[in-house]
Protein backbone atom coordinates (compact mmCIF):
# COMPACT_ATOMS: atom_id res chain seq x y z
CA MET A 1 -202.08 -87.79 1.71
CA SER A 2 -200.86 -86.36 5.01
CA GLN A 3 -198.18 -83.71 5.10
CA LYS A 4 -195.08 -83.92 7.25
CA ILE A 5 -193.89 -81.21 9.60
CA ALA A 6 -190.15 -80.63 9.83
CA VAL A 7 -187.81 -78.39 11.83
CA ILE A 8 -184.36 -77.17 10.79
CA GLY A 9 -181.92 -75.61 13.23
CA ASP A 10 -179.17 -76.15 15.74
CA LYS A 11 -179.52 -79.12 18.07
CA ASN A 12 -180.06 -77.08 21.24
CA SER A 13 -182.97 -75.23 19.66
CA VAL A 14 -184.86 -77.95 17.81
CA LEU A 15 -184.31 -81.23 19.65
CA ILE A 16 -187.50 -80.72 21.65
CA TYR A 17 -189.57 -80.84 18.45
CA ARG A 18 -188.63 -84.48 17.97
CA MET A 19 -190.78 -85.31 21.01
CA LEU A 20 -193.74 -83.78 19.16
CA GLY A 21 -193.21 -86.15 16.26
CA PHE A 22 -191.72 -83.63 13.85
CA ASP A 23 -188.88 -84.55 11.50
CA VAL A 24 -185.86 -82.76 12.94
CA PHE A 25 -182.76 -81.71 11.01
CA PHE A 26 -179.80 -80.47 13.00
CA THR A 27 -177.55 -77.94 11.31
CA SER A 28 -175.86 -74.63 11.88
CA GLU A 29 -174.53 -74.41 8.32
CA ALA A 30 -176.42 -72.50 5.64
CA GLU A 31 -175.59 -74.93 2.84
CA ASP A 32 -176.85 -77.91 4.84
CA ALA A 33 -180.05 -76.01 5.70
CA ARG A 34 -180.63 -75.16 2.02
CA ASN A 35 -180.18 -78.81 1.04
CA ASP A 36 -182.48 -80.00 3.84
CA MET A 37 -185.16 -77.48 2.87
CA ASP A 38 -185.04 -78.42 -0.81
CA GLU A 39 -185.20 -82.12 0.05
CA LEU A 40 -188.13 -81.61 2.42
CA ALA A 41 -190.01 -79.55 -0.16
CA ASN A 42 -189.49 -82.27 -2.75
CA GLU A 43 -190.82 -84.85 -0.27
CA ASN A 44 -194.05 -82.84 0.07
CA SER A 45 -193.56 -81.51 3.58
CA GLY A 46 -196.45 -79.26 4.54
CA VAL A 47 -194.70 -77.08 7.09
CA ILE A 48 -191.01 -76.43 7.67
CA TYR A 49 -190.00 -74.54 10.79
CA VAL A 50 -186.58 -72.88 10.57
CA THR A 51 -184.74 -71.09 13.35
CA GLU A 52 -184.26 -67.39 12.71
CA THR A 53 -180.50 -67.74 13.02
CA ILE A 54 -180.40 -70.23 10.15
CA ALA A 55 -183.01 -68.28 8.16
CA GLU A 56 -180.84 -65.14 8.15
CA ASN A 57 -178.34 -67.02 6.01
CA ILE A 58 -180.76 -68.70 3.59
CA MET A 59 -183.35 -66.00 2.88
CA GLU A 60 -183.06 -66.48 -0.91
CA THR A 61 -184.08 -70.13 -0.50
CA ILE A 62 -186.95 -69.18 1.81
CA ARG A 63 -188.18 -66.56 -0.68
CA LYS A 64 -188.21 -69.21 -3.39
CA TYR A 65 -190.78 -71.17 -1.38
CA ASP A 66 -192.79 -68.04 -0.48
CA GLU A 67 -194.09 -68.13 -4.06
CA LYS A 68 -195.51 -71.64 -3.60
CA MET A 69 -198.49 -72.95 -1.67
CA LEU A 70 -196.44 -75.66 0.07
CA PRO A 71 -194.36 -75.96 2.07
CA ALA A 72 -195.18 -73.18 4.49
CA ILE A 73 -191.91 -71.85 5.91
CA ILE A 74 -192.28 -70.60 9.47
CA LEU A 75 -189.42 -68.87 11.27
CA ILE A 76 -189.00 -69.61 14.96
CA PRO A 77 -186.63 -68.27 17.63
CA ASP A 78 -183.63 -70.35 18.59
CA HIS A 79 -182.48 -71.11 22.12
CA THR A 80 -180.88 -67.65 22.44
CA GLY A 81 -184.15 -65.81 21.81
CA SER A 82 -186.00 -64.07 19.01
CA ARG A 83 -184.39 -61.84 16.40
CA ASN A 84 -187.87 -60.62 15.34
CA ILE A 85 -187.33 -61.85 11.78
CA GLY A 86 -190.33 -64.19 11.95
CA LYS A 87 -192.53 -61.45 13.38
CA ARG A 88 -191.52 -59.06 10.58
CA ARG A 89 -192.37 -61.72 7.97
CA VAL A 90 -195.83 -62.20 9.49
CA GLN A 91 -196.40 -58.43 9.51
CA GLU A 92 -195.33 -58.16 5.87
CA ASN A 93 -197.64 -60.99 4.83
CA VAL A 94 -200.60 -59.55 6.73
CA GLU A 95 -199.94 -56.16 5.20
CA LYS A 96 -199.78 -57.71 1.73
CA ALA A 97 -203.07 -59.59 2.29
CA VAL A 98 -205.03 -56.82 4.04
CA GLY A 99 -203.44 -53.72 2.55
CA GLN A 100 -202.21 -52.30 5.84
CA ASN A 101 -200.39 -53.35 8.98
CA ILE A 102 -203.12 -54.32 11.44
CA LEU A 103 -200.69 -55.88 13.89
């Protein structure tokens, strides 16, 4: 069974991912993003990319999926640039796995 890849974020930031064949969900509202993420997780999506701007408002939902193997939630910058939230999450996960910050 192949896993889908999806992207959640504002139209200006995520439209390009449609050309790569990803399932794209346009939203700038936290509640819509939560619903989309839950629906995608229930449909067995393997990876869900979420813009950092949206992620700031739905961190409790993202943390819920951090405890599970799938889907992998990856934070990406939006069209205005990075807020370094995704980078901090990677550093925290590496530190948890290795025991220290090697980045």
